[in-house]
N, C-alpha and C. Protein backbone atom coordinates (compact mmCIF):
# COMPACT_ATOMS: atom_id res chain seq x y z
N UNK A 1 9.68 7.96 1.11
CA UNK A 1 10.93 8.60 0.73
C UNK A 1 10.62 9.81 -0.13
N UNK A 2 11.42 10.85 0.04
CA UNK A 2 11.32 12.02 -0.81
C UNK A 2 12.01 11.68 -2.12
N UNK A 3 11.28 11.72 -3.23
CA UNK A 3 11.83 11.29 -4.52
C UNK A 3 12.92 12.23 -5.03
N UNK A 4 12.94 13.47 -4.57
CA UNK A 4 13.97 14.42 -5.03
C UNK A 4 15.25 14.30 -4.22
N UNK A 5 15.12 14.10 -2.91
CA UNK A 5 16.30 14.09 -2.05
C UNK A 5 16.77 12.69 -1.68
N UNK A 6 15.87 11.70 -1.78
CA UNK A 6 16.21 10.35 -1.37
C UNK A 6 16.19 10.15 0.13
N UNK A 7 15.69 11.15 0.85
CA UNK A 7 15.64 11.09 2.31
C UNK A 7 14.28 10.56 2.75
N UNK A 8 14.29 9.77 3.81
CA UNK A 8 13.05 9.24 4.36
C UNK A 8 12.13 10.40 4.73
N UNK A 9 10.85 10.29 4.33
CA UNK A 9 9.90 11.40 4.50
C UNK A 9 9.05 11.26 5.74
N UNK A 10 9.29 10.29 6.56
CA UNK A 10 8.50 10.10 7.77
C UNK A 10 8.74 8.72 8.32
N UNK A 11 8.03 8.40 9.37
CA UNK A 11 8.15 7.07 9.96
C UNK A 11 7.56 6.02 9.03
N UNK A 12 8.12 4.82 9.04
CA UNK A 12 7.57 3.75 8.20
C UNK A 12 6.12 3.43 8.61
N UNK A 13 5.34 3.03 7.63
CA UNK A 13 3.97 2.57 7.91
C UNK A 13 4.08 1.09 8.24
N UNK A 14 3.69 0.73 9.45
CA UNK A 14 3.86 -0.63 9.93
C UNK A 14 2.60 -1.45 9.73
N UNK A 15 2.77 -2.70 9.31
CA UNK A 15 1.62 -3.57 9.14
C UNK A 15 1.99 -4.89 8.48
N UNK A 16 2.69 -4.83 7.36
CA UNK A 16 3.10 -6.07 6.70
C UNK A 16 4.11 -6.80 7.56
N UNK A 17 3.97 -8.11 7.63
CA UNK A 17 4.87 -8.92 8.44
C UNK A 17 6.05 -9.46 7.64
N UNK A 18 5.98 -9.31 6.33
CA UNK A 18 7.08 -9.72 5.44
C UNK A 18 7.22 -8.65 4.38
N UNK A 19 8.07 -8.86 3.42
CA UNK A 19 8.37 -7.86 2.41
C UNK A 19 7.18 -7.41 1.59
N UNK A 20 7.22 -6.16 1.16
CA UNK A 20 6.20 -5.58 0.29
C UNK A 20 6.63 -5.80 -1.15
N UNK A 21 5.72 -6.29 -1.98
CA UNK A 21 6.04 -6.61 -3.37
C UNK A 21 5.53 -5.59 -4.36
N UNK A 22 4.50 -4.81 -3.99
CA UNK A 22 3.90 -3.89 -4.93
C UNK A 22 3.19 -2.77 -4.20
N UNK A 23 3.19 -1.59 -4.81
CA UNK A 23 2.50 -0.43 -4.26
C UNK A 23 1.76 0.27 -5.39
N UNK A 24 0.54 0.73 -5.10
CA UNK A 24 -0.23 1.51 -6.07
C UNK A 24 -0.81 2.72 -5.35
N UNK A 25 -0.85 3.86 -6.04
CA UNK A 25 -1.36 5.08 -5.45
C UNK A 25 -2.61 5.54 -6.20
N UNK A 26 -3.58 6.08 -5.46
CA UNK A 26 -4.80 6.58 -6.09
C UNK A 26 -4.48 7.82 -6.93
N UNK A 27 -5.36 8.12 -7.86
CA UNK A 27 -5.13 9.26 -8.75
C UNK A 27 -5.10 10.59 -8.01
N UNK A 28 -5.77 10.67 -6.85
CA UNK A 28 -5.74 11.91 -6.07
C UNK A 28 -4.57 11.96 -5.09
N UNK A 29 -3.79 10.88 -5.02
CA UNK A 29 -2.61 10.85 -4.16
C UNK A 29 -2.89 10.74 -2.68
N UNK A 30 -4.12 10.37 -2.31
CA UNK A 30 -4.47 10.33 -0.89
C UNK A 30 -4.28 8.97 -0.25
N UNK A 31 -4.33 7.91 -1.05
CA UNK A 31 -4.21 6.55 -0.50
C UNK A 31 -3.29 5.71 -1.35
N UNK A 32 -2.70 4.69 -0.69
CA UNK A 32 -1.94 3.69 -1.42
C UNK A 32 -2.44 2.32 -1.03
N UNK A 33 -2.25 1.38 -1.93
CA UNK A 33 -2.50 -0.04 -1.64
C UNK A 33 -1.14 -0.72 -1.71
N UNK A 34 -0.90 -1.63 -0.79
CA UNK A 34 0.34 -2.40 -0.77
C UNK A 34 0.03 -3.88 -0.77
N UNK A 35 0.89 -4.66 -1.39
CA UNK A 35 0.75 -6.11 -1.42
C UNK A 35 2.05 -6.70 -0.92
N UNK A 36 1.96 -7.90 -0.33
CA UNK A 36 3.18 -8.44 0.23
C UNK A 36 3.27 -9.94 0.32
N UNK A 37 4.47 -10.36 0.71
CA UNK A 37 4.75 -11.78 0.91
C UNK A 37 4.02 -12.35 2.12
N UNK A 38 3.41 -11.50 2.92
CA UNK A 38 2.65 -12.00 4.08
C UNK A 38 1.21 -12.36 3.71
N UNK A 39 0.94 -12.45 2.40
CA UNK A 39 -0.35 -12.88 1.88
C UNK A 39 -1.45 -11.85 2.10
N UNK A 40 -1.10 -10.57 2.19
CA UNK A 40 -2.11 -9.54 2.42
C UNK A 40 -2.00 -8.39 1.43
N UNK A 41 -3.14 -7.72 1.25
CA UNK A 41 -3.21 -6.44 0.56
C UNK A 41 -3.75 -5.46 1.59
N UNK A 42 -3.13 -4.30 1.68
CA UNK A 42 -3.54 -3.29 2.66
C UNK A 42 -3.71 -1.95 1.97
N UNK A 43 -4.63 -1.15 2.51
CA UNK A 43 -4.84 0.21 2.01
C UNK A 43 -4.45 1.18 3.10
N UNK A 44 -3.76 2.25 2.72
CA UNK A 44 -3.21 3.21 3.68
C UNK A 44 -3.65 4.62 3.31
N UNK A 45 -3.88 5.43 4.33
CA UNK A 45 -4.14 6.85 4.16
C UNK A 45 -2.79 7.56 4.26
N UNK A 46 -2.40 8.30 3.23
CA UNK A 46 -1.08 8.91 3.25
C UNK A 46 -0.97 10.11 4.17
N UNK A 47 -2.09 10.75 4.50
CA UNK A 47 -2.03 11.88 5.43
C UNK A 47 -1.82 11.39 6.87
N UNK A 48 -2.61 10.40 7.28
CA UNK A 48 -2.49 9.90 8.66
C UNK A 48 -1.42 8.83 8.79
N UNK A 49 -1.03 8.21 7.66
CA UNK A 49 -0.05 7.13 7.60
C UNK A 49 -0.56 5.87 8.32
N UNK A 50 -1.89 5.73 8.40
CA UNK A 50 -2.51 4.58 9.06
C UNK A 50 -3.22 3.71 8.04
N UNK A 51 -3.33 2.41 8.38
CA UNK A 51 -4.06 1.49 7.53
C UNK A 51 -5.54 1.84 7.56
N UNK A 52 -6.19 1.73 6.41
CA UNK A 52 -7.62 1.99 6.28
C UNK A 52 -8.34 0.65 6.26
N UNK A 53 -9.23 0.42 7.20
CA UNK A 53 -10.00 -0.82 7.22
C UNK A 53 -9.13 -2.04 7.53
N UNK A 54 -9.62 -3.18 7.09
CA UNK A 54 -8.95 -4.45 7.35
C UNK A 54 -8.07 -4.84 6.17
N UNK A 55 -7.08 -5.68 6.44
CA UNK A 55 -6.27 -6.21 5.35
C UNK A 55 -7.06 -7.28 4.61
N UNK A 56 -6.74 -7.44 3.34
CA UNK A 56 -7.34 -8.49 2.51
C UNK A 56 -6.37 -9.66 2.56
N UNK A 57 -6.83 -10.80 3.04
CA UNK A 57 -5.96 -11.97 3.17
C UNK A 57 -6.15 -12.90 1.99
N UNK A 58 -5.03 -13.47 1.51
CA UNK A 58 -5.06 -14.37 0.37
C UNK A 58 -4.38 -15.69 0.74
N UNK A 59 -4.45 -16.65 -0.17
CA UNK A 59 -3.84 -17.96 0.07
C UNK A 59 -2.34 -17.98 -0.20
N UNK A 60 -1.82 -16.96 -0.83
CA UNK A 60 -0.39 -16.93 -1.15
C UNK A 60 0.12 -15.51 -1.24
N UNK A 61 1.40 -15.40 -1.50
CA UNK A 61 2.01 -14.08 -1.63
C UNK A 61 1.34 -13.31 -2.77
N UNK A 62 1.14 -12.03 -2.57
CA UNK A 62 0.54 -11.17 -3.58
C UNK A 62 1.67 -10.42 -4.26
N UNK A 63 1.80 -10.58 -5.58
CA UNK A 63 2.94 -10.01 -6.28
C UNK A 63 2.64 -8.68 -6.95
N UNK A 64 1.36 -8.32 -7.08
CA UNK A 64 1.03 -7.04 -7.72
C UNK A 64 -0.30 -6.53 -7.19
N UNK A 65 -0.43 -5.21 -7.16
CA UNK A 65 -1.67 -4.58 -6.72
C UNK A 65 -1.84 -3.30 -7.54
N UNK A 66 -3.10 -2.96 -7.84
CA UNK A 66 -3.37 -1.72 -8.59
C UNK A 66 -4.79 -1.25 -8.27
N UNK A 67 -4.97 0.05 -8.32
CA UNK A 67 -6.31 0.61 -8.22
C UNK A 67 -6.92 0.64 -9.61
N UNK A 68 -8.24 0.47 -9.70
CA UNK A 68 -8.93 0.63 -10.97
C UNK A 68 -8.82 2.09 -11.39
N UNK A 69 -9.06 2.41 -12.67
CA UNK A 69 -8.92 3.79 -13.13
C UNK A 69 -9.73 4.82 -12.34
N UNK A 70 -10.87 4.40 -11.77
CA UNK A 70 -11.68 5.35 -10.98
C UNK A 70 -11.36 5.28 -9.48
N UNK A 71 -10.33 4.51 -9.11
CA UNK A 71 -9.89 4.35 -7.71
C UNK A 71 -10.90 3.66 -6.82
N UNK A 72 -11.94 3.09 -7.40
CA UNK A 72 -12.99 2.47 -6.61
C UNK A 72 -12.67 1.03 -6.20
N UNK A 73 -11.88 0.36 -6.99
CA UNK A 73 -11.58 -1.05 -6.74
C UNK A 73 -10.08 -1.28 -6.72
N UNK A 74 -9.70 -2.36 -6.03
CA UNK A 74 -8.32 -2.82 -6.08
C UNK A 74 -8.29 -4.07 -6.95
N UNK A 75 -7.41 -4.09 -7.90
CA UNK A 75 -7.35 -5.22 -8.84
C UNK A 75 -5.99 -5.88 -8.81
């Protein structure tokens, strides 16, 4: 979404099978990490709007996701 206009800024990024609970963006603004009720964490390239690599699967819903200060790790 465009934060100034509130208008959708492109097609949705598809991948999560249930609701998204958390989003984190890298300091350079190139990638985001998403967490969801489908028990996964995913990393996305904002330019291509595609998932990067494989999803991280967990035993339960993931309620929060964040990049480390140097963007090297997801915590």
